[in-house]
Protein backbone atom coordinates (compact mmCIF):
# COMPACT_ATOMS: atom_id res chain seq x y z
CA UNK A 1 0.00 0.00 0.00
CA UNK A 2 1.29 3.49 -0.87
CA UNK A 3 0.76 6.59 1.27
CA UNK A 4 1.48 10.26 0.67
CA UNK A 5 1.02 13.74 2.04
CA UNK A 6 0.01 15.92 -0.90
CA UNK A 7 1.12 19.52 -1.46
CA UNK A 8 -1.64 20.69 0.92
CA UNK A 9 -0.59 18.29 3.70
CA UNK A 10 -3.59 15.95 3.24
CA UNK A 11 -3.05 12.23 3.85
CA UNK A 12 -3.82 10.02 0.84
CA UNK A 13 -3.71 6.22 0.57
CA UNK A 14 -3.50 4.32 -2.70
CA UNK A 15 -6.53 2.11 -3.29
CA UNK A 16 -6.72 0.08 -6.53
CA UNK A 17 -4.10 2.32 -8.18
CA UNK A 18 -5.79 5.63 -7.24
CA UNK A 19 -4.81 7.88 -4.33
CA UNK A 20 -7.80 8.59 -2.08
CA UNK A 21 -7.90 11.49 0.39
CA UNK A 22 -8.48 10.20 3.91
CA UNK A 23 -11.11 11.80 6.15
CA UNK A 24 -10.61 12.60 9.81
CA UNK A 25 -12.08 10.01 12.18
CA UNK A 26 -13.37 12.93 14.30
CA UNK A 27 -15.28 14.72 11.53
CA UNK A 28 -15.63 15.27 7.81
CA UNK A 29 -12.42 17.24 7.29
CA UNK A 30 -9.45 15.65 5.52
CA UNK A 31 -6.84 13.92 7.65
CA UNK A 32 -3.49 15.68 7.41
CA UNK A 33 -0.73 17.74 8.90
CA UNK A 34 -3.03 20.74 9.52
CA UNK A 35 -4.54 18.81 12.45
CA UNK A 36 -2.87 19.22 15.87
CA UNK A 37 -3.40 15.47 16.44
CA UNK A 38 -1.32 14.56 13.36
CA UNK A 39 2.35 13.89 14.12
CA UNK A 40 5.15 14.90 11.78
CA UNK A 41 6.41 11.86 9.85
CA UNK A 42 9.56 10.47 11.48
CA UNK A 43 11.93 9.08 8.83
CA UNK A 44 13.46 5.71 9.69
CA UNK A 45 13.78 2.60 7.52
CA UNK A 46 10.00 2.79 7.51
CA UNK A 47 8.19 6.03 8.21
CA UNK A 48 6.37 6.28 11.53
CA UNK A 49 3.29 8.51 11.49
CA UNK A 50 1.09 9.15 14.50
CA UNK A 51 -2.50 10.28 13.97
CA UNK A 52 -5.56 10.82 16.18
CA UNK A 53 -5.87 8.92 19.45
CA UNK A 54 -2.17 8.03 19.39
CA UNK A 55 -2.53 5.46 16.59
CA UNK A 56 0.80 4.85 14.86
CA UNK A 57 1.37 3.56 11.37
CA UNK A 58 4.54 2.31 9.72
CA UNK A 59 4.58 3.59 6.17
CA UNK A 60 6.89 1.75 3.81
CA UNK A 61 5.87 3.37 0.52
CA UNK A 62 5.54 7.00 1.59
CA UNK A 63 5.88 10.19 -0.46
CA UNK A 64 5.93 13.67 1.04
CA UNK A 65 4.83 16.19 -1.60
CA UNK A 66 4.68 19.15 0.79
CA UNK A 67 6.88 22.09 -0.03
CA UNK A 68 6.37 24.69 2.67
CA UNK A 69 9.48 26.61 1.63
CA UNK A 70 7.71 27.64 -1.59
CA UNK A 71 4.55 28.45 0.37
CA UNK A 72 6.42 30.68 2.81
CA UNK A 73 8.12 32.49 -0.09
CA UNK A 74 4.71 33.05 -1.74
CA UNK A 75 3.26 34.27 1.57
CA UNK A 76 6.18 36.65 2.07
CA UNK A 77 5.77 38.07 -1.45
CA UNK A 78 2.02 38.48 -0.93
CA UNK A 79 2.61 40.24 2.37
CA UNK A 80 5.03 42.69 0.71
CA UNK A 81 2.54 43.37 -2.10
CA UNK A 82 -0.24 44.04 0.43
CA UNK A 83 2.01 46.43 2.35
CA UNK A 84 2.76 48.33 -0.88
CA UNK A 85 -0.94 48.48 -1.72
CA UNK A 86 -1.86 49.78 1.76
CA UNK A 87 0.87 52.43 1.56
CA UNK A 88 -0.33 53.49 -1.88
CA UNK A 89 -3.95 53.76 -0.72
CA UNK A 90 -2.97 55.76 2.36
CA UNK A 91 -0.95 58.16 0.20
CA UNK A 92 -3.98 58.68 -2.07
CA UNK A 93 -6.26 59.35 0.92
CA UNK A 94 -3.80 61.86 2.43
CA UNK A 95 -3.41 63.62 -0.93
CA UNK A 96 -7.21 64.03 -1.19
CA UNK A 97 -7.51 65.29 2.40
CA UNK A 98 -4.70 67.82 2.04
PDB file of N, CA and C in Angstrom:
ATOM      1  N   UNK A   1       0.840  -1.163   0.000  1.00  0.00           N
ATOM      2  CA  UNK A   1       0.000   0.000   0.000  1.00  0.00           C
ATOM      3  C   UNK A   1       0.897   1.241   0.000  1.00  0.00           C
ATOM      4  N   UNK A   2       0.524   2.248  -0.807  1.00  0.00           N
ATOM      5  CA  UNK A   2       1.292   3.492  -0.871  1.00  0.00           C
ATOM      6  C   UNK A   2       0.526   4.598  -0.146  1.00  0.00           C
ATOM      7  N   UNK A   3       1.293   5.468   0.508  1.00  0.00           N
ATOM      8  CA  UNK A   3       0.760   6.587   1.266  1.00  0.00           C
ATOM      9  C   UNK A   3       1.454   7.853   0.790  1.00  0.00           C
ATOM     10  N   UNK A   4       0.782   9.007   0.935  1.00  0.00           N
ATOM     11  CA  UNK A   4       1.477  10.261   0.671  1.00  0.00           C
ATOM     12  C   UNK A   4       0.777  11.416   1.374  1.00  0.00           C
ATOM     13  N   UNK A   5       1.557  12.444   1.629  1.00  0.00           N
ATOM     14  CA  UNK A   5       1.022  13.738   2.040  1.00  0.00           C
ATOM     15  C   UNK A   5       1.116  14.604   0.803  1.00  0.00           C
ATOM     16  N   UNK A   6      -0.022  15.114   0.318  1.00  0.00           N
ATOM     17  CA  UNK A   6       0.015  15.919  -0.904  1.00  0.00           C
ATOM     18  C   UNK A   6       0.548  17.317  -0.602  1.00  0.00           C
ATOM     19  N   UNK A   7       0.569  18.175  -1.600  1.00  0.00           N
ATOM     20  CA  UNK A   7       1.124  19.522  -1.458  1.00  0.00           C
ATOM     21  C   UNK A   7       0.398  20.338  -0.397  1.00  0.00           C
ATOM     22  N   UNK A   8      -0.851  19.974  -0.089  1.00  0.00           N
ATOM     23  CA  UNK A   8      -1.636  20.687   0.915  1.00  0.00           C
ATOM     24  C   UNK A   8      -1.538  20.044   2.296  1.00  0.00           C
ATOM     25  N   UNK A   9      -0.763  18.968   2.417  1.00  0.00           N
ATOM     26  CA  UNK A   9      -0.593  18.292   3.701  1.00  0.00           C
ATOM     27  C   UNK A   9      -1.674  17.275   4.013  1.00  0.00           C
ATOM     28  N   UNK A  10      -2.534  16.948   3.027  1.00  0.00           N
ATOM     29  CA  UNK A  10      -3.585  15.954   3.237  1.00  0.00           C
ATOM     30  C   UNK A  10      -3.019  14.544   3.067  1.00  0.00           C
ATOM     31  N   UNK A  11      -3.483  13.622   3.916  1.00  0.00           N
ATOM     32  CA  UNK A  11      -3.053  12.228   3.845  1.00  0.00           C
ATOM     33  C   UNK A  11      -3.869  11.488   2.801  1.00  0.00           C
ATOM     34  N   UNK A  12      -3.168  10.821   1.874  1.00  0.00           N
ATOM     35  CA  UNK A  12      -3.817  10.017   0.838  1.00  0.00           C
ATOM     36  C   UNK A  12      -3.249   8.613   0.880  1.00  0.00           C
ATOM     37  N   UNK A  13      -4.113   7.620   0.622  1.00  0.00           N
ATOM     38  CA  UNK A  13      -3.710   6.221   0.573  1.00  0.00           C
ATOM     39  C   UNK A  13      -4.111   5.678  -0.796  1.00  0.00           C
ATOM     40  N   UNK A  14      -3.202   4.900  -1.394  1.00  0.00           N
ATOM     41  CA  UNK A  14      -3.503   4.322  -2.704  1.00  0.00           C
ATOM     42  C   UNK A  14      -4.448   3.142  -2.537  1.00  0.00           C
ATOM     43  N   UNK A  15      -5.538   3.188  -3.266  1.00  0.00           N
ATOM     44  CA  UNK A  15      -6.527   2.109  -3.287  1.00  0.00           C
ATOM     45  C   UNK A  15      -6.811   1.768  -4.750  1.00  0.00           C
ATOM     46  N   UNK A  16      -6.506   0.545  -5.151  1.00  0.00           N
ATOM     47  CA  UNK A  16      -6.716   0.085  -6.533  1.00  0.00           C
ATOM     48  C   UNK A  16      -6.078   1.027  -7.544  1.00  0.00           C
ATOM     49  N   UNK A  17      -4.860   1.492  -7.247  1.00  0.00           N
ATOM     50  CA  UNK A  17      -4.104   2.320  -8.183  1.00  0.00           C
ATOM     51  C   UNK A  17      -4.441   3.801  -8.170  1.00  0.00           C
ATOM     52  N   UNK A  18      -5.383   4.223  -7.306  1.00  0.00           N
ATOM     53  CA  UNK A  18      -5.788   5.628  -7.238  1.00  0.00           C
ATOM     54  C   UNK A  18      -5.589   6.124  -5.813  1.00  0.00           C
ATOM     55  N   UNK A  19      -4.983   7.316  -5.661  1.00  0.00           N
ATOM     56  CA  UNK A  19      -4.811   7.884  -4.327  1.00  0.00           C
ATOM     57  C   UNK A  19      -6.124   8.511  -3.858  1.00  0.00           C
ATOM     58  N   UNK A  20      -6.544   8.125  -2.653  1.00  0.00           N
ATOM     59  CA  UNK A  20      -7.804   8.591  -2.085  1.00  0.00           C
ATOM     60  C   UNK A  20      -7.504   9.412  -0.836  1.00  0.00           C
ATOM     61  N   UNK A  21      -8.085  10.628  -0.776  1.00  0.00           N
ATOM     62  CA  UNK A  21      -7.901  11.489   0.387  1.00  0.00           C
ATOM     63  C   UNK A  21      -8.624  10.861   1.582  1.00  0.00           C
ATOM     64  N   UNK A  22      -7.932  10.800   2.713  1.00  0.00           N
ATOM     65  CA  UNK A  22      -8.481  10.197   3.915  1.00  0.00           C
ATOM     66  C   UNK A  22      -9.193  11.257   4.752  1.00  0.00           C
ATOM     67  N   UNK A  23     -10.350  10.882   5.304  1.00  0.00           N
ATOM     68  CA  UNK A  23     -11.109  11.804   6.152  1.00  0.00           C
ATOM     69  C   UNK A  23     -10.748  11.587   7.610  1.00  0.00           C
ATOM     70  N   UNK A  24     -10.876  12.644   8.379  1.00  0.00           N
ATOM     71  CA  UNK A  24     -10.611  12.599   9.813  1.00  0.00           C
ATOM     72  C   UNK A  24     -11.622  11.684  10.493  1.00  0.00           C
ATOM     73  N   UNK A  25     -11.156  10.892  11.450  1.00  0.00           N
ATOM     74  CA  UNK A  25     -12.080  10.015  12.177  1.00  0.00           C
ATOM     75  C   UNK A  25     -12.951  10.813  13.138  1.00  0.00           C
ATOM     76  N   UNK A  26     -12.601  12.087  13.382  1.00  0.00           N
ATOM     77  CA  UNK A  26     -13.366  12.933  14.299  1.00  0.00           C
ATOM     78  C   UNK A  26     -14.245  13.946  13.572  1.00  0.00           C
ATOM     79  N   UNK A  27     -14.461  13.781  12.290  1.00  0.00           N
ATOM     80  CA  UNK A  27     -15.282  14.716  11.527  1.00  0.00           C
ATOM     81  C   UNK A  27     -15.162  14.468  10.050  1.00  0.00           C
ATOM     82  N   UNK A  28     -15.611  15.435   9.262  1.00  0.00           N
ATOM     83  CA  UNK A  28     -15.626  15.273   7.810  1.00  0.00           C
ATOM     84  C   UNK A  28     -14.486  15.996   7.118  1.00  0.00           C
ATOM     85  N   UNK A  29     -13.564  16.557   7.881  1.00  0.00           N
ATOM     86  CA  UNK A  29     -12.418  17.237   7.289  1.00  0.00           C
ATOM     87  C   UNK A  29     -11.388  16.208   6.841  1.00  0.00           C
ATOM     88  N   UNK A  30     -10.495  16.597   5.913  1.00  0.00           N
ATOM     89  CA  UNK A  30      -9.449  15.652   5.518  1.00  0.00           C
ATOM     90  C   UNK A  30      -8.443  15.433   6.640  1.00  0.00           C
ATOM     91  N   UNK A  31      -7.901  14.242   6.701  1.00  0.00           N
ATOM     92  CA  UNK A  31      -6.837  13.923   7.648  1.00  0.00           C
ATOM     93  C   UNK A  31      -5.540  14.475   7.080  1.00  0.00           C
ATOM     94  N   UNK A  32      -4.747  15.145   7.915  1.00  0.00           N
ATOM     95  CA  UNK A  32      -3.491  15.679   7.405  1.00  0.00           C
ATOM     96  C   UNK A  32      -2.725  16.459   8.446  1.00  0.00           C
ATOM     97  N   UNK A  33      -1.643  17.073   7.983  1.00  0.00           N
ATOM     98  CA  UNK A  33      -0.727  17.740   8.900  1.00  0.00           C
ATOM     99  C   UNK A  33      -1.261  19.052   9.453  1.00  0.00           C
ATOM    100  N   UNK A  34      -2.414  19.528   8.982  1.00  0.00           N
ATOM    101  CA  UNK A  34      -3.030  20.735   9.520  1.00  0.00           C
ATOM    102  C   UNK A  34      -3.671  20.480  10.885  1.00  0.00           C
ATOM    103  N   UNK A  35      -3.891  19.205  11.198  1.00  0.00           N
ATOM    104  CA  UNK A  35      -4.540  18.810  12.451  1.00  0.00           C
ATOM    105  C   UNK A  35      -3.506  18.742  13.577  1.00  0.00           C
ATOM    106  N   UNK A  36      -3.824  19.291  14.763  1.00  0.00           N
ATOM    107  CA  UNK A  36      -2.873  19.218  15.870  1.00  0.00           C
ATOM    108  C   UNK A  36      -2.644  17.792  16.378  1.00  0.00           C
ATOM    109  N   UNK A  37      -3.533  16.861  16.010  1.00  0.00           N
ATOM    110  CA  UNK A  37      -3.398  15.467  16.441  1.00  0.00           C
ATOM    111  C   UNK A  37      -2.537  14.642  15.481  1.00  0.00           C
ATOM    112  N   UNK A  38      -2.094  15.255  14.384  1.00  0.00           N
ATOM    113  CA  UNK A  38      -1.317  14.556  13.363  1.00  0.00           C
ATOM    114  C   UNK A  38       0.159  14.803  13.619  1.00  0.00           C
ATOM    115  N   UNK A  39       0.916  13.743  13.859  1.00  0.00           N
ATOM    116  CA  UNK A  39       2.346  13.886  14.124  1.00  0.00           C
ATOM    117  C   UNK A  39       3.144  14.062  12.846  1.00  0.00           C
ATOM    118  N   UNK A  40       4.263  14.741  12.945  1.00  0.00           N
ATOM    119  CA  UNK A  40       5.146  14.903  11.783  1.00  0.00           C
ATOM    120  C   UNK A  40       5.790  13.547  11.471  1.00  0.00           C
ATOM    121  N   UNK A  41       5.776  13.130  10.198  1.00  0.00           N
ATOM    122  CA  UNK A  41       6.411  11.857   9.853  1.00  0.00           C
ATOM    123  C   UNK A  41       7.858  11.806  10.342  1.00  0.00           C
ATOM    124  N   UNK A  42       8.234  10.666  10.912  1.00  0.00           N
ATOM    125  CA  UNK A  42       9.564  10.465  11.475  1.00  0.00           C
ATOM    126  C   UNK A  42      10.326   9.481  10.597  1.00  0.00           C
ATOM    127  N   UNK A  43      11.251   9.982   9.766  1.00  0.00           N
ATOM    128  CA  UNK A  43      11.931   9.080   8.834  1.00  0.00           C
ATOM    129  C   UNK A  43      12.846   8.078   9.537  1.00  0.00           C
ATOM    130  N   UNK A  44      12.605   6.824   9.256  1.00  0.00           N
ATOM    131  CA  UNK A  44      13.457   5.712   9.691  1.00  0.00           C
ATOM    132  C   UNK A  44      13.546   4.797   8.482  1.00  0.00           C
ATOM    133  N   UNK A  45      13.818   3.504   8.663  1.00  0.00           N
ATOM    134  CA  UNK A  45      13.779   2.597   7.515  1.00  0.00           C
ATOM    135  C   UNK A  45      12.353   2.540   6.971  1.00  0.00           C
ATOM    136  N   UNK A  46      11.394   2.573   7.882  1.00  0.00           N
ATOM    137  CA  UNK A  46      10.001   2.785   7.513  1.00  0.00           C
ATOM    138  C   UNK A  46       9.644   4.130   8.120  1.00  0.00           C
ATOM    139  N   UNK A  47       8.583   4.728   7.696  1.00  0.00           N
ATOM    140  CA  UNK A  47       8.195   6.027   8.215  1.00  0.00           C
ATOM    141  C   UNK A  47       7.121   5.833   9.272  1.00  0.00           C
ATOM    142  N   UNK A  48       7.372   6.341  10.474  1.00  0.00           N
ATOM    143  CA  UNK A  48       6.372   6.277  11.532  1.00  0.00           C
ATOM    144  C   UNK A  48       5.526   7.541  11.488  1.00  0.00           C
ATOM    145  N   UNK A  49       4.199   7.377  11.445  1.00  0.00           N
ATOM    146  CA  UNK A  49       3.286   8.515  11.485  1.00  0.00           C
ATOM    147  C   UNK A  49       2.263   8.248  12.585  1.00  0.00           C
ATOM    148  N   UNK A  50       2.083   9.245  13.437  1.00  0.00           N
ATOM    149  CA  UNK A  50       1.088   9.146  14.500  1.00  0.00           C
ATOM    150  C   UNK A  50      -0.082  10.038  14.141  1.00  0.00           C
ATOM    151  N   UNK A  51      -1.305   9.475  14.229  1.00  0.00           N
ATOM    152  CA  UNK A  51      -2.502  10.281  13.970  1.00  0.00           C
ATOM    153  C   UNK A  51      -3.384  10.257  15.217  1.00  0.00           C
ATOM    154  N   UNK A  52      -4.618  10.692  15.068  1.00  0.00           N
ATOM    155  CA  UNK A  52      -5.560  10.824  16.180  1.00  0.00           C
ATOM    156  C   UNK A  52      -5.524   9.643  17.152  1.00  0.00           C
ATOM    157  N   UNK A  53      -5.774   9.938  18.398  1.00  0.00           N
ATOM    158  CA  UNK A  53      -5.875   8.921  19.450  1.00  0.00           C
ATOM    159  C   UNK A  53      -4.577   8.143  19.645  1.00  0.00           C
ATOM    160  N   UNK A  54      -3.453   8.689  19.186  1.00  0.00           N
ATOM    161  CA  UNK A  54      -2.166   8.030  19.391  1.00  0.00           C
ATOM    162  C   UNK A  54      -1.924   6.823  18.511  1.00  0.00           C
ATOM    163  N   UNK A  55      -2.754   6.598  17.497  1.00  0.00           N
ATOM    164  CA  UNK A  55      -2.534   5.458  16.591  1.00  0.00           C
ATOM    165  C   UNK A  55      -1.294   5.722  15.756  1.00  0.00           C
ATOM    166  N   UNK A  56      -0.435   4.714  15.639  1.00  0.00           N
ATOM    167  CA  UNK A  56       0.798   4.848  14.861  1.00  0.00           C
ATOM    168  C   UNK A  56       0.762   3.888  13.684  1.00  0.00           C
ATOM    169  N   UNK A  57       1.276   4.372  12.569  1.00  0.00           N
ATOM    170  CA  UNK A  57       1.370   3.561  11.365  1.00  0.00           C
ATOM    171  C   UNK A  57       2.815   3.539  10.901  1.00  0.00           C
ATOM    172  N   UNK A  58       3.246   2.409  10.386  1.00  0.00           N
ATOM    173  CA  UNK A  58       4.544   2.310   9.722  1.00  0.00           C
ATOM    174  C   UNK A  58       4.256   2.375   8.228  1.00  0.00           C
ATOM    175  N   UNK A  59       4.815   3.388   7.586  1.00  0.00           N
ATOM    176  CA  UNK A  59       4.580   3.590   6.170  1.00  0.00           C
ATOM    177  C   UNK A  59       5.837   3.217   5.402  1.00  0.00           C
ATOM    178  N   UNK A  60       5.736   2.218   4.564  1.00  0.00           N
ATOM    179  CA  UNK A  60       6.895   1.746   3.813  1.00  0.00           C
ATOM    180  C   UNK A  60       6.996   2.390   2.443  1.00  0.00           C
ATOM    181  N   UNK A  61       5.877   2.728   1.836  1.00  0.00           N
ATOM    182  CA  UNK A  61       5.865   3.374   0.522  1.00  0.00           C
ATOM    183  C   UNK A  61       5.263   4.754   0.687  1.00  0.00           C
ATOM    184  N   UNK A  62       6.047   5.673   1.236  1.00  0.00           N
ATOM    185  CA  UNK A  62       5.543   6.996   1.592  1.00  0.00           C
ATOM    186  C   UNK A  62       6.206   8.080   0.747  1.00  0.00           C
ATOM    187  N   UNK A  63       5.387   9.035   0.281  1.00  0.00           N
ATOM    188  CA  UNK A  63       5.876  10.189  -0.465  1.00  0.00           C
ATOM    189  C   UNK A  63       5.385  11.450   0.225  1.00  0.00           C
ATOM    190  N   UNK A  64       6.289  12.390   0.439  1.00  0.00           N
ATOM    191  CA  UNK A  64       5.934  13.674   1.038  1.00  0.00           C
ATOM    192  C   UNK A  64       6.029  14.735  -0.049  1.00  0.00           C
ATOM    193  N   UNK A  65       4.868  15.213  -0.517  1.00  0.00           N
ATOM    194  CA  UNK A  65       4.827  16.194  -1.600  1.00  0.00           C
ATOM    195  C   UNK A  65       4.735  17.622  -1.085  1.00  0.00           C
ATOM    196  N   UNK A  66       4.781  17.796   0.226  1.00  0.00           N
ATOM    197  CA  UNK A  66       4.678  19.146   0.794  1.00  0.00           C
ATOM    198  C   UNK A  66       5.935  19.932   0.462  1.00  0.00           C
ATOM    199  N   UNK A  67       5.736  21.214   0.213  1.00  0.00           N
ATOM    200  CA  UNK A  67       6.876  22.089  -0.027  1.00  0.00           C
ATOM    201  C   UNK A  67       6.572  23.434   0.614  1.00  0.00           C
ATOM    202  N   UNK A  68       6.740  23.488   1.934  1.00  0.00           N
ATOM    203  CA  UNK A  68       6.373  24.694   2.666  1.00  0.00           C
ATOM    204  C   UNK A  68       7.352  25.832   2.430  1.00  0.00           C
ATOM    205  N   UNK A  69       8.543  25.544   1.935  1.00  0.00           N
ATOM    206  CA  UNK A  69       9.483  26.609   1.628  1.00  0.00           C
ATOM    207  C   UNK A  69       8.891  27.498   0.532  1.00  0.00           C
ATOM    208  N   UNK A  70       8.341  26.873  -0.518  1.00  0.00           N
ATOM    209  CA  UNK A  70       7.713  27.636  -1.593  1.00  0.00           C
ATOM    210  C   UNK A  70       6.514  28.413  -1.069  1.00  0.00           C
ATOM    211  N   UNK A  71       5.724  27.787  -0.197  1.00  0.00           N
ATOM    212  CA  UNK A  71       4.553  28.451   0.373  1.00  0.00           C
ATOM    213  C   UNK A  71       4.960  29.674   1.176  1.00  0.00           C
ATOM    214  N   UNK A  72       6.010  29.546   1.991  1.00  0.00           N
ATOM    215  CA  UNK A  72       6.421  30.684   2.814  1.00  0.00           C
ATOM    216  C   UNK A  72       6.966  31.805   1.939  1.00  0.00           C
ATOM    217  N   UNK A  73       7.636  31.473   0.833  1.00  0.00           N
ATOM    218  CA  UNK A  73       8.123  32.492  -0.094  1.00  0.00           C
ATOM    219  C   UNK A  73       6.939  33.215  -0.729  1.00  0.00           C
ATOM    220  N   UNK A  74       5.909  32.437  -1.157  1.00  0.00           N
ATOM    221  CA  UNK A  74       4.713  33.047  -1.741  1.00  0.00           C
ATOM    222  C   UNK A  74       4.010  33.944  -0.729  1.00  0.00           C
ATOM    223  N   UNK A  75       3.907  33.487   0.517  1.00  0.00           N
ATOM    224  CA  UNK A  75       3.259  34.273   1.568  1.00  0.00           C
ATOM    225  C   UNK A  75       4.024  35.559   1.828  1.00  0.00           C
ATOM    226  N   UNK A  76       5.339  35.466   1.837  1.00  0.00           N
ATOM    227  CA  UNK A  76       6.176  36.645   2.066  1.00  0.00           C
ATOM    228  C   UNK A  76       5.996  37.655   0.933  1.00  0.00           C
ATOM    229  N   UNK A  77       5.973  37.185  -0.311  1.00  0.00           N
ATOM    230  CA  UNK A  77       5.768  38.073  -1.453  1.00  0.00           C
ATOM    231  C   UNK A  77       4.392  38.726  -1.388  1.00  0.00           C
ATOM    232  N   UNK A  78       3.376  37.949  -1.048  1.00  0.00           N
ATOM    233  CA  UNK A  78       2.017  38.476  -0.934  1.00  0.00           C
ATOM    234  C   UNK A  78       1.946  39.535   0.154  1.00  0.00           C
ATOM    235  N   UNK A  79       2.592  39.279   1.275  1.00  0.00           N
ATOM    236  CA  UNK A  79       2.613  40.238   2.374  1.00  0.00           C
ATOM    237  C   UNK A  79       3.259  41.554   1.944  1.00  0.00           C
ATOM    238  N   UNK A  80       4.359  41.479   1.207  1.00  0.00           N
ATOM    239  CA  UNK A  80       5.028  42.686   0.713  1.00  0.00           C
ATOM    240  C   UNK A  80       4.131  43.447  -0.255  1.00  0.00           C
ATOM    241  N   UNK A  81       3.443  42.716  -1.142  1.00  0.00           N
ATOM    242  CA  UNK A  81       2.539  43.366  -2.096  1.00  0.00           C
ATOM    243  C   UNK A  81       1.387  44.058  -1.370  1.00  0.00           C
ATOM    244  N   UNK A  82       0.844  43.430  -0.344  1.00  0.00           N
ATOM    245  CA  UNK A  82      -0.237  44.036   0.428  1.00  0.00           C
ATOM    246  C   UNK A  82       0.235  45.291   1.147  1.00  0.00           C
ATOM    247  N   UNK A  83       1.442  45.260   1.682  1.00  0.00           N
ATOM    248  CA  UNK A  83       2.006  46.435   2.347  1.00  0.00           C
ATOM    249  C   UNK A  83       2.141  47.585   1.359  1.00  0.00           C
ATOM    250  N   UNK A  84       2.638  47.298   0.154  1.00  0.00           N
ATOM    251  CA  UNK A  84       2.759  48.332  -0.876  1.00  0.00           C
ATOM    252  C   UNK A  84       1.396  48.915  -1.229  1.00  0.00           C
ATOM    253  N   UNK A  85       0.399  48.040  -1.364  1.00  0.00           N
ATOM    254  CA  UNK A  85      -0.944  48.478  -1.716  1.00  0.00           C
ATOM    255  C   UNK A  85      -1.526  49.366  -0.616  1.00  0.00           C
ATOM    256  N   UNK A  86      -1.368  48.970   0.647  1.00  0.00           N
ATOM    257  CA  UNK A  86      -1.861  49.782   1.765  1.00  0.00           C
ATOM    258  C   UNK A  86      -1.188  51.149   1.770  1.00  0.00           C
ATOM    259  N   UNK A  87       0.117  51.172   1.578  1.00  0.00           N
ATOM    260  CA  UNK A  87       0.866  52.428   1.556  1.00  0.00           C
ATOM    261  C   UNK A  87       0.356  53.323   0.431  1.00  0.00           C
ATOM    262  N   UNK A  88       0.163  52.745  -0.731  1.00  0.00           N
ATOM    263  CA  UNK A  88      -0.329  53.494  -1.879  1.00  0.00           C
ATOM    264  C   UNK A  88      -1.719  54.073  -1.606  1.00  0.00           C
ATOM    265  N   UNK A  89      -2.605  53.284  -1.032  1.00  0.00           N
ATOM    266  CA  UNK A  89      -3.953  53.762  -0.721  1.00  0.00           C
ATOM    267  C   UNK A  89      -3.921  54.869   0.325  1.00  0.00           C
ATOM    268  N   UNK A  90      -3.090  54.722   1.342  1.00  0.00           N
ATOM    269  CA  UNK A  90      -2.968  55.760   2.363  1.00  0.00           C
ATOM    270  C   UNK A  90      -2.448  57.063   1.757  1.00  0.00           C
ATOM    271  N   UNK A  91      -1.481  56.961   0.866  1.00  0.00           N
ATOM    272  CA  UNK A  91      -0.955  58.160   0.205  1.00  0.00           C
ATOM    273  C   UNK A  91      -2.047  58.854  -0.604  1.00  0.00           C
ATOM    274  N   UNK A  92      -2.878  58.095  -1.292  1.00  0.00           N
ATOM    275  CA  UNK A  92      -3.977  58.677  -2.069  1.00  0.00           C
ATOM    276  C   UNK A  92      -4.975  59.389  -1.158  1.00  0.00           C
ATOM    277  N   UNK A  93      -5.307  58.755  -0.022  1.00  0.00           N
ATOM    278  CA  UNK A  93      -6.261  59.349   0.922  1.00  0.00           C
ATOM    279  C   UNK A  93      -5.696  60.644   1.479  1.00  0.00           C
ATOM    280  N   UNK A  94      -4.426  60.653   1.881  1.00  0.00           N
ATOM    281  CA  UNK A  94      -3.796  61.855   2.426  1.00  0.00           C
ATOM    282  C   UNK A  94      -3.739  62.967   1.378  1.00  0.00           C
ATOM    283  N   UNK A  95      -3.454  62.616   0.138  1.00  0.00           N
ATOM    284  CA  UNK A  95      -3.412  63.625  -0.932  1.00  0.00           C
ATOM    285  C   UNK A  95      -4.785  64.272  -1.126  1.00  0.00           C
ATOM    286  N   UNK A  96      -5.856  63.487  -1.036  1.00  0.00           N
ATOM    287  CA  UNK A  96      -7.210  64.029  -1.186  1.00  0.00           C
ATOM    288  C   UNK A  96      -7.591  64.914  -0.007  1.00  0.00           C
ATOM    289  N   UNK A  97      -7.178  64.535   1.189  1.00  0.00           N
ATOM    290  CA  UNK A  97      -7.511  65.293   2.395  1.00  0.00           C
ATOM    291  C   UNK A  97      -6.775  66.624   2.414  1.00  0.00           C
ATOM    292  N   UNK A  98      -5.515  66.593   2.015  1.00  0.00           N
ATOM    293  CA  UNK A  98      -4.704  67.820   2.044  1.00  0.00           C
ATOM    294  C   UNK A  98      -5.021  68.618   0.828  1.00  0.00           C
TER     295      UNK A  98
END
